[in-house]
Amino acid sequence: MSTMFQRLAVLAVTALVVAGCQTAEEARMADENRCVGYGFRPRTDAFAECLQRIDLDRRYALRQASRDALYMPPPVIIVRDHRHR
């Protein structure tokens, strides 16, 4: 199996696991509750900015996970040659 295929498989599995945890509506509700918990009032610019920052943080984390999955360092293989004299 090629290395690129393995990396893409890891990325796909990671995306499926992340996507399967919450529906979009559940994620939005959790984000709104988080912003309300921070003290922001719904339907204000500050509340919208709070939601935007949460979304940007989530996208950044996904990009990091994708980068890590695609650019994993190659495994180190140690070969010890034992010669008998």
Protein backbone atom coordinates (compact mmCIF):
# COMPACT_ATOMS: atom_id res chain seq x y z
CA MET A 1 0.00 0.00 0.00
CA SER A 2 1.45 3.38 -0.95
CA THR A 3 2.31 5.94 1.69
CA MET A 4 0.07 8.59 0.13
CA PHE A 5 -2.87 6.17 0.11
CA GLN A 6 -2.28 5.38 3.79
CA ARG A 7 -2.19 9.07 4.65
CA LEU A 8 -5.38 9.75 2.74
CA ALA A 9 -7.05 6.80 4.45
CA VAL A 10 -6.08 8.17 7.87
CA LEU A 11 -7.40 11.59 6.89
CA ALA A 12 -10.69 10.13 5.65
CA VAL A 13 -11.20 8.10 8.83
CA THR A 14 -10.42 11.15 10.96
CA ALA A 15 -12.92 13.26 9.01
CA LEU A 16 -15.61 10.58 9.38
CA VAL A 17 -15.06 10.32 13.12
CA VAL A 18 -15.19 14.09 13.58
CA ALA A 19 -18.23 14.46 11.33
CA GLY A 20 -20.09 11.64 13.03
CA CYS A 21 -19.87 13.11 16.51
CA GLN A 22 -22.41 15.93 16.07
CA THR A 23 -24.89 17.12 13.49
CA ALA A 24 -24.49 20.66 12.17
CA GLU A 25 -27.48 21.76 14.25
CA GLU A 26 -26.03 20.23 17.42
CA ALA A 27 -22.67 21.89 16.78
CA ARG A 28 -24.34 25.26 16.19
CA MET A 29 -26.37 24.92 19.40
CA ALA A 30 -23.26 23.98 21.37
CA ASP A 31 -21.41 26.98 19.90
CA GLU A 32 -24.28 29.32 20.76
CA ASN A 33 -24.45 27.94 24.31
CA ARG A 34 -20.71 28.42 24.64
CA CYS A 35 -20.96 32.08 23.58
CA VAL A 36 -23.91 32.65 25.94
CA GLY A 37 -21.80 31.06 28.68
CA TYR A 38 -19.08 33.61 27.92
CA GLY A 39 -21.64 36.36 28.53
CA PHE A 40 -22.50 37.38 24.97
CA ARG A 41 -26.11 38.19 24.12
CA PRO A 42 -27.66 36.54 21.06
CA ARG A 43 -28.26 38.67 17.97
CA THR A 44 -25.44 41.10 18.74
CA ASP A 45 -22.25 41.77 16.80
CA ALA A 46 -20.17 40.46 19.70
CA PHE A 47 -22.17 37.21 19.72
CA ALA A 48 -21.65 36.80 15.98
CA GLU A 49 -17.93 37.42 16.42
CA CYS A 50 -17.82 34.79 19.17
CA LEU A 51 -19.45 32.26 16.84
CA GLN A 52 -17.04 33.21 14.07
CA ARG A 53 -14.00 32.72 16.31
CA ILE A 54 -15.24 29.29 17.39
CA ASP A 55 -15.72 28.34 13.72
CA LEU A 56 -12.25 29.63 12.81
CA ASP A 57 -10.72 27.67 15.70
CA ARG A 58 -12.49 24.51 14.52
CA ARG A 59 -11.28 25.01 10.94
CA TYR A 60 -7.73 25.61 12.15
CA ALA A 61 -7.81 22.40 14.18
CA LEU A 62 -9.09 20.47 11.16
CA ARG A 63 -6.32 21.92 8.97
CA GLN A 64 -3.74 20.93 11.57
CA ALA A 65 -5.14 17.40 11.77
CA SER A 66 -5.12 17.15 7.97
CA ARG A 67 -1.57 18.43 7.79
CA ASP A 68 -0.43 15.99 10.44
CA ALA A 69 -2.15 13.09 8.68
CA LEU A 70 -0.74 13.95 5.26
CA TYR A 71 2.78 14.93 6.27
CA MET A 72 3.64 12.36 8.85
CA PRO A 73 7.36 11.70 8.96
CA PRO A 74 8.33 8.40 7.42
CA PRO A 75 8.93 5.52 9.81
CA VAL A 76 12.49 4.87 10.89
CA ILE A 77 13.70 1.39 10.07
CA ILE A 78 16.76 0.13 11.87
CA VAL A 79 18.61 -2.76 10.33
CA ARG A 80 21.31 -4.40 12.38
CA ASP A 81 23.72 -6.50 10.45
CA HIS A 82 25.28 -9.11 12.69
CA ARG A 83 28.32 -10.63 11.12
CA HIS A 84 29.96 -13.64 12.64
CA ARG A 85 33.73 -13.78 12.44
